[in-house]
PDB file of N, CA and C in Angstrom:
ATOM      1  N   UNK A   1     -13.830  36.530 -13.643  1.00  0.00           N
ATOM      2  CA  UNK A   1     -13.948  35.166 -13.403  1.00  0.00           C
ATOM      3  C   UNK A   1     -13.246  34.470 -14.765  1.00  0.00           C
ATOM      4  N   UNK A   2     -12.571  33.409 -14.655  1.00  0.00           N
ATOM      5  CA  UNK A   2     -12.117  32.643 -15.726  1.00  0.00           C
ATOM      6  C   UNK A   2     -13.271  31.779 -16.591  1.00  0.00           C
ATOM      7  N   UNK A   3     -12.975  31.964 -17.890  1.00  0.00           N
ATOM      8  CA  UNK A   3     -14.295  31.406 -18.814  1.00  0.00           C
ATOM      9  C   UNK A   3     -13.768  29.908 -19.186  1.00  0.00           C
ATOM     10  N   UNK A   4     -14.727  28.790 -18.627  1.00  0.00           N
ATOM     11  CA  UNK A   4     -14.213  27.661 -18.903  1.00  0.00           C
ATOM     12  C   UNK A   4     -15.089  26.956 -20.391  1.00  0.00           C
ATOM     13  N   UNK A   5     -14.743  26.274 -20.804  1.00  0.00           N
ATOM     14  CA  UNK A   5     -15.371  25.845 -21.997  1.00  0.00           C
ATOM     15  C   UNK A   5     -16.118  24.475 -21.662  1.00  0.00           C
ATOM     16  N   UNK A   6     -17.137  24.436 -22.653  1.00  0.00           N
ATOM     17  CA  UNK A   6     -18.293  23.657 -21.946  1.00  0.00           C
ATOM     18  C   UNK A   6     -17.902  22.096 -22.179  1.00  0.00           C
ATOM     19  N   UNK A   7     -16.987  21.734 -22.835  1.00  0.00           N
ATOM     20  CA  UNK A   7     -16.288  20.534 -22.928  1.00  0.00           C
ATOM     21  C   UNK A   7     -15.491  20.156 -21.529  1.00  0.00           C
ATOM     22  N   UNK A   8     -14.970  21.198 -20.926  1.00  0.00           N
ATOM     23  CA  UNK A   8     -14.152  21.119 -19.737  1.00  0.00           C
ATOM     24  C   UNK A   8     -15.123  21.039 -18.340  1.00  0.00           C
ATOM     25  N   UNK A   9     -16.543  21.590 -18.494  1.00  0.00           N
ATOM     26  CA  UNK A   9     -17.253  21.609 -17.603  1.00  0.00           C
ATOM     27  C   UNK A   9     -18.031  20.352 -17.537  1.00  0.00           C
ATOM     28  N   UNK A  10     -18.161  19.575 -19.091  1.00  0.00           N
ATOM     29  CA  UNK A  10     -18.554  18.393 -18.835  1.00  0.00           C
ATOM     30  C   UNK A  10     -17.703  17.153 -18.245  1.00  0.00           C
ATOM     31  N   UNK A  11     -16.192  17.404 -18.602  1.00  0.00           N
ATOM     32  CA  UNK A  11     -15.354  16.696 -17.893  1.00  0.00           C
ATOM     33  C   UNK A  11     -15.296  16.457 -16.653  1.00  0.00           C
ATOM     34  N   UNK A  12     -15.413  17.646 -15.923  1.00  0.00           N
ATOM     35  CA  UNK A  12     -15.215  17.943 -14.560  1.00  0.00           C
ATOM     36  C   UNK A  12     -16.641  17.269 -14.082  1.00  0.00           C
ATOM     37  N   UNK A  13     -17.556  17.491 -14.535  1.00  0.00           N
ATOM     38  CA  UNK A  13     -18.910  16.969 -14.020  1.00  0.00           C
ATOM     39  C   UNK A  13     -18.947  15.536 -13.958  1.00  0.00           C
ATOM     40  N   UNK A  14     -18.367  14.816 -15.158  1.00  0.00           N
ATOM     41  CA  UNK A  14     -18.278  13.239 -15.183  1.00  0.00           C
ATOM     42  C   UNK A  14     -17.189  12.957 -14.180  1.00  0.00           C
ATOM     43  N   UNK A  15     -16.189  13.560 -14.003  1.00  0.00           N
ATOM     44  CA  UNK A  15     -15.242  13.149 -13.077  1.00  0.00           C
ATOM     45  C   UNK A  15     -15.650  13.337 -11.695  1.00  0.00           C
ATOM     46  N   UNK A  16     -16.584  14.107 -11.135  1.00  0.00           N
ATOM     47  CA  UNK A  16     -17.277  14.180 -10.013  1.00  0.00           C
ATOM     48  C   UNK A  16     -18.083  13.234  -9.772  1.00  0.00           C
ATOM     49  N   UNK A  17     -19.062  12.745 -10.871  1.00  0.00           N
ATOM     50  CA  UNK A  17     -20.027  11.646 -10.322  1.00  0.00           C
ATOM     51  C   UNK A  17     -19.156  10.202 -10.361  1.00  0.00           C
ATOM     52  N   UNK A  18     -18.027  10.031 -11.313  1.00  0.00           N
ATOM     53  CA  UNK A  18     -17.345   8.979 -10.912  1.00  0.00           C
ATOM     54  C   UNK A  18     -16.483   8.816  -9.298  1.00  0.00           C
ATOM     55  N   UNK A  19     -15.998   9.993  -8.960  1.00  0.00           N
ATOM     56  CA  UNK A  19     -15.414  10.088  -7.695  1.00  0.00           C
ATOM     57  C   UNK A  19     -16.837   9.741  -6.684  1.00  0.00           C
ATOM     58  N   UNK A  20     -17.931  10.182  -6.975  1.00  0.00           N
ATOM     59  CA  UNK A  20     -19.052   9.908  -6.021  1.00  0.00           C
ATOM     60  C   UNK A  20     -19.343   8.581  -6.178  1.00  0.00           C
ATOM     61  N   UNK A  21     -19.465   7.886  -6.974  1.00  0.00           N
ATOM     62  CA  UNK A  21     -19.586   6.536  -7.294  1.00  0.00           C
ATOM     63  C   UNK A  21     -18.705   5.813  -6.453  1.00  0.00           C
ATOM     64  N   UNK A  22     -17.376   6.047  -6.811  1.00  0.00           N
ATOM     65  CA  UNK A  22     -16.107   5.282  -6.101  1.00  0.00           C
ATOM     66  C   UNK A  22     -16.508   5.272  -4.593  1.00  0.00           C
ATOM     67  N   UNK A  23     -16.678   6.375  -3.942  1.00  0.00           N
ATOM     68  CA  UNK A  23     -16.915   6.408  -2.576  1.00  0.00           C
ATOM     69  C   UNK A  23     -18.191   5.569  -2.205  1.00  0.00           C
ATOM     70  N   UNK A  24     -19.104   5.802  -3.049  1.00  0.00           N
ATOM     71  CA  UNK A  24     -20.194   4.965  -2.373  1.00  0.00           C
ATOM     72  C   UNK A  24     -20.166   3.686  -2.495  1.00  0.00           C
ATOM     73  N   UNK A  25     -19.236   3.093  -3.660  1.00  0.00           N
ATOM     74  CA  UNK A  25     -18.945   1.655  -3.557  1.00  0.00           C
ATOM     75  C   UNK A  25     -17.838   1.129  -2.456  1.00  0.00           C
ATOM     76  N   UNK A  26     -17.195   2.099  -1.885  1.00  0.00           N
ATOM     77  CA  UNK A  26     -16.101   1.720  -0.707  1.00  0.00           C
ATOM     78  C   UNK A  26     -16.894   1.696   0.292  1.00  0.00           C
ATOM     79  N   UNK A  27     -17.849   2.528   0.821  1.00  0.00           N
ATOM     80  CA  UNK A  27     -18.214   1.932   1.979  1.00  0.00           C
ATOM     81  C   UNK A  27     -18.986   0.841   2.214  1.00  0.00           C
ATOM     82  N   UNK A  28     -19.795   0.336   1.448  1.00  0.00           N
ATOM     83  CA  UNK A  28     -20.397  -1.033   1.631  1.00  0.00           C
ATOM     84  C   UNK A  28     -19.242  -2.276   2.099  1.00  0.00           C
ATOM     85  N   UNK A  29     -17.939  -2.018   1.161  1.00  0.00           N
ATOM     86  CA  UNK A  29     -17.043  -2.836   1.209  1.00  0.00           C
ATOM     87  C   UNK A  29     -16.577  -2.814   2.475  1.00  0.00           C
ATOM     88  N   UNK A  30     -16.291  -1.556   3.206  1.00  0.00           N
ATOM     89  CA  UNK A  30     -15.614  -1.357   4.282  1.00  0.00           C
ATOM     90  C   UNK A  30     -16.454  -1.999   5.467  1.00  0.00           C
ATOM     91  N   UNK A  31     -17.865  -1.870   5.087  1.00  0.00           N
ATOM     92  CA  UNK A  31     -18.798  -2.565   6.302  1.00  0.00           C
ATOM     93  C   UNK A  31     -18.740  -3.961   6.124  1.00  0.00           C
ATOM     94  N   UNK A  32     -18.901  -4.565   5.194  1.00  0.00           N
ATOM     95  CA  UNK A  32     -18.988  -6.259   4.818  1.00  0.00           C
ATOM     96  C   UNK A  32     -17.608  -6.639   5.482  1.00  0.00           C
ATOM     97  N   UNK A  33     -16.377  -5.903   5.068  1.00  0.00           N
ATOM     98  CA  UNK A  33     -14.989  -6.200   5.614  1.00  0.00           C
ATOM     99  C   UNK A  33     -15.104  -6.214   7.356  1.00  0.00           C
ATOM    100  N   UNK A  34     -15.286  -5.337   7.999  1.00  0.00           N
ATOM    101  CA  UNK A  34     -15.171  -4.733   9.270  1.00  0.00           C
ATOM    102  C   UNK A  34     -16.158  -6.050   9.840  1.00  0.00           C
ATOM    103  N   UNK A  35     -17.406  -6.553   9.123  1.00  0.00           N
ATOM    104  CA  UNK A  35     -18.062  -7.183   9.855  1.00  0.00           C
ATOM    105  C   UNK A  35     -17.648  -8.865   9.744  1.00  0.00           C
ATOM    106  N   UNK A  36     -16.540  -9.167   9.124  1.00  0.00           N
ATOM    107  CA  UNK A  36     -16.074 -10.365   8.696  1.00  0.00           C
ATOM    108  C   UNK A  36     -14.710 -10.552  10.002  1.00  0.00           C
ATOM    109  N   UNK A  37     -13.977  -9.587  10.264  1.00  0.00           N
ATOM    110  CA  UNK A  37     -13.009  -9.584  10.969  1.00  0.00           C
ATOM    111  C   UNK A  37     -13.207 -10.265  12.359  1.00  0.00           C
ATOM    112  N   UNK A  38     -14.349  -9.663  13.099  1.00  0.00           N
ATOM    113  CA  UNK A  38     -14.411 -10.454  14.790  1.00  0.00           C
ATOM    114  C   UNK A  38     -14.444 -11.997  14.558  1.00  0.00           C
ATOM    115  N   UNK A  39     -15.207 -12.591  13.699  1.00  0.00           N
ATOM    116  CA  UNK A  39     -15.309 -13.906  13.504  1.00  0.00           C
ATOM    117  C   UNK A  39     -14.020 -14.535  13.250  1.00  0.00           C
ATOM    118  N   UNK A  40     -13.458 -14.043  12.196  1.00  0.00           N
ATOM    119  CA  UNK A  40     -12.043 -14.626  11.649  1.00  0.00           C
ATOM    120  C   UNK A  40     -11.245 -14.414  12.814  1.00  0.00           C
ATOM    121  N   UNK A  41     -11.222 -13.598  13.494  1.00  0.00           N
ATOM    122  CA  UNK A  41     -10.008 -13.418  14.544  1.00  0.00           C
ATOM    123  C   UNK A  41     -10.458 -14.482  15.761  1.00  0.00           C
ATOM    124  N   UNK A  42     -11.392 -14.714  15.861  1.00  0.00           N
ATOM    125  CA  UNK A  42     -11.652 -15.601  16.765  1.00  0.00           C
ATOM    126  C   UNK A  42     -11.542 -17.145  16.434  1.00  0.00           C
ATOM    127  N   UNK A  43     -11.842 -17.421  15.123  1.00  0.00           N
ATOM    128  CA  UNK A  43     -11.387 -18.710  14.751  1.00  0.00           C
ATOM    129  C   UNK A  43      -9.664 -18.876  14.570  1.00  0.00           C
ATOM    130  N   UNK A  44      -8.684 -17.731  14.322  1.00  0.00           N
ATOM    131  CA  UNK A  44      -7.657 -17.985  14.283  1.00  0.00           C
ATOM    132  C   UNK A  44      -7.013 -17.984  15.683  1.00  0.00           C
ATOM    133  N   UNK A  45      -7.721 -17.508  16.976  1.00  0.00           N
ATOM    134  CA  UNK A  45      -7.229 -17.553  18.065  1.00  0.00           C
ATOM    135  C   UNK A  45      -7.005 -19.247  18.747  1.00  0.00           C
ATOM    136  N   UNK A  46      -8.113 -19.880  17.877  1.00  0.00           N
ATOM    137  CA  UNK A  46      -8.310 -21.490  18.579  1.00  0.00           C
ATOM    138  C   UNK A  46      -7.183 -22.278  17.891  1.00  0.00           C
ATOM    139  N   UNK A  47      -6.544 -21.592  16.494  1.00  0.00           N
ATOM    140  CA  UNK A  47      -5.725 -22.558  15.882  1.00  0.00           C
ATOM    141  C   UNK A  47      -4.492 -22.683  16.879  1.00  0.00           C
ATOM    142  N   UNK A  48      -4.152 -23.981  17.040  1.00  0.00           N
ATOM    143  CA  UNK A  48      -2.947 -24.192  17.999  1.00  0.00           C
ATOM    144  C   UNK A  48      -1.742 -24.415  17.190  1.00  0.00           C
ATOM    145  N   UNK A  49      -0.589 -23.875  17.810  1.00  0.00           N
ATOM    146  CA  UNK A  49       0.793 -23.423  17.247  1.00  0.00           C
ATOM    147  C   UNK A  49       1.405 -25.011  17.088  1.00  0.00           C
ATOM    148  N   UNK A  50       2.114 -25.195  16.076  1.00  0.00           N
ATOM    149  CA  UNK A  50       2.869 -26.586  16.050  1.00  0.00           C
ATOM    150  C   UNK A  50       4.137 -26.473  17.042  1.00  0.00           C
ATOM    151  N   UNK A  51       4.344 -27.778  17.569  1.00  0.00           N
ATOM    152  CA  UNK A  51       5.567 -27.880  18.655  1.00  0.00           C
ATOM    153  C   UNK A  51       6.866 -27.181  17.740  1.00  0.00           C
ATOM    154  N   UNK A  52       7.082 -27.554  16.875  1.00  0.00           N
ATOM    155  CA  UNK A  52       8.237 -27.061  16.191  1.00  0.00           C
ATOM    156  C   UNK A  52       7.732 -26.357  14.822  1.00  0.00           C
ATOM    157  N   UNK A  53       8.581 -25.162  14.579  1.00  0.00           N
ATOM    158  CA  UNK A  53       8.423 -24.329  13.370  1.00  0.00           C
ATOM    159  C   UNK A  53       8.458 -25.030  11.994  1.00  0.00           C
ATOM    160  N   UNK A  54       7.681 -24.791  11.391  1.00  0.00           N
ATOM    161  CA  UNK A  54       7.565 -25.145   9.817  1.00  0.00           C
ATOM    162  C   UNK A  54       9.221 -25.009   9.093  1.00  0.00           C
ATOM    163  N   UNK A  55       9.504 -23.856   9.390  1.00  0.00           N
ATOM    164  CA  UNK A  55      10.867 -23.880   8.689  1.00  0.00           C
ATOM    165  C   UNK A  55      12.085 -24.849   9.215  1.00  0.00           C
ATOM    166  N   UNK A  56      11.951 -25.540  10.447  1.00  0.00           N
ATOM    167  CA  UNK A  56      12.959 -26.261  10.931  1.00  0.00           C
ATOM    168  C   UNK A  56      12.576 -27.565  10.387  1.00  0.00           C
ATOM    169  N   UNK A  57      11.317 -27.981  10.210  1.00  0.00           N
ATOM    170  CA  UNK A  57      11.041 -29.161   9.414  1.00  0.00           C
ATOM    171  C   UNK A  57      11.481 -29.298   8.155  1.00  0.00           C
ATOM    172  N   UNK A  58      11.573 -28.076   7.271  1.00  0.00           N
ATOM    173  CA  UNK A  58      12.094 -28.016   5.945  1.00  0.00           C
ATOM    174  C   UNK A  58      13.493 -28.033   5.841  1.00  0.00           C
ATOM    175  N   UNK A  59      14.127 -27.486   6.870  1.00  0.00           N
ATOM    176  CA  UNK A  59      15.851 -27.748   6.771  1.00  0.00           C
ATOM    177  C   UNK A  59      16.000 -29.263   7.226  1.00  0.00           C
ATOM    178  N   UNK A  60      15.196 -29.921   7.933  1.00  0.00           N
ATOM    179  CA  UNK A  60      15.524 -31.173   8.379  1.00  0.00           C
ATOM    180  C   UNK A  60      15.501 -32.047   7.217  1.00  0.00           C
ATOM    181  N   UNK A  61      14.218 -31.604   6.220  1.00  0.00           N
ATOM    182  CA  UNK A  61      13.680 -32.799   5.240  1.00  0.00           C
ATOM    183  C   UNK A  61      14.577 -32.525   4.138  1.00  0.00           C
ATOM    184  N   UNK A  62      15.316 -31.359   3.970  1.00  0.00           N
ATOM    185  CA  UNK A  62      16.274 -31.037   2.852  1.00  0.00           C
ATOM    186  C   UNK A  62      17.440 -31.256   3.071  1.00  0.00           C
ATOM    187  N   UNK A  63      17.951 -31.748   4.194  1.00  0.00           N
ATOM    188  CA  UNK A  63      19.553 -31.866   4.606  1.00  0.00           C
ATOM    189  C   UNK A  63      20.054 -32.996   3.812  1.00  0.00           C
ATOM    190  N   UNK A  64      21.267 -32.710   3.301  1.00  0.00           N
ATOM    191  CA  UNK A  64      21.825 -33.564   2.299  1.00  0.00           C
ATOM    192  C   UNK A  64      21.819 -35.184   2.566  1.00  0.00           C
ATOM    193  N   UNK A  65      22.106 -35.299   3.998  1.00  0.00           N
ATOM    194  CA  UNK A  65      22.015 -36.507   4.434  1.00  0.00           C
ATOM    195  C   UNK A  65      20.790 -37.568   4.430  1.00  0.00           C
ATOM    196  N   UNK A  66      19.721 -36.691   4.209  1.00  0.00           N
ATOM    197  CA  UNK A  66      18.455 -37.321   4.134  1.00  0.00           C
ATOM    198  C   UNK A  66      17.827 -37.610   2.599  1.00  0.00           C
ATOM    199  N   UNK A  67      18.665 -36.891   1.766  1.00  0.00           N
ATOM    200  CA  UNK A  67      18.248 -36.786   0.495  1.00  0.00           C
ATOM    201  C   UNK A  67      18.583 -38.229  -0.508  1.00  0.00           C
TER     202      UNK A  67
END
């Protein structure tokens, strides 16, 4: 078996703890975001599309004859 120095073992232990804590912090964020998605989608479905696209309005407003 390969001998590993005490400093390397401590470094590996710290790395494993940090990795565990990052996974623990990601899970609550995933739950929070997934609980907000359905209400947000329902609100976005109620938004009515404009009759003309915004890009066409910009082109008309910036046309040289109108400036």
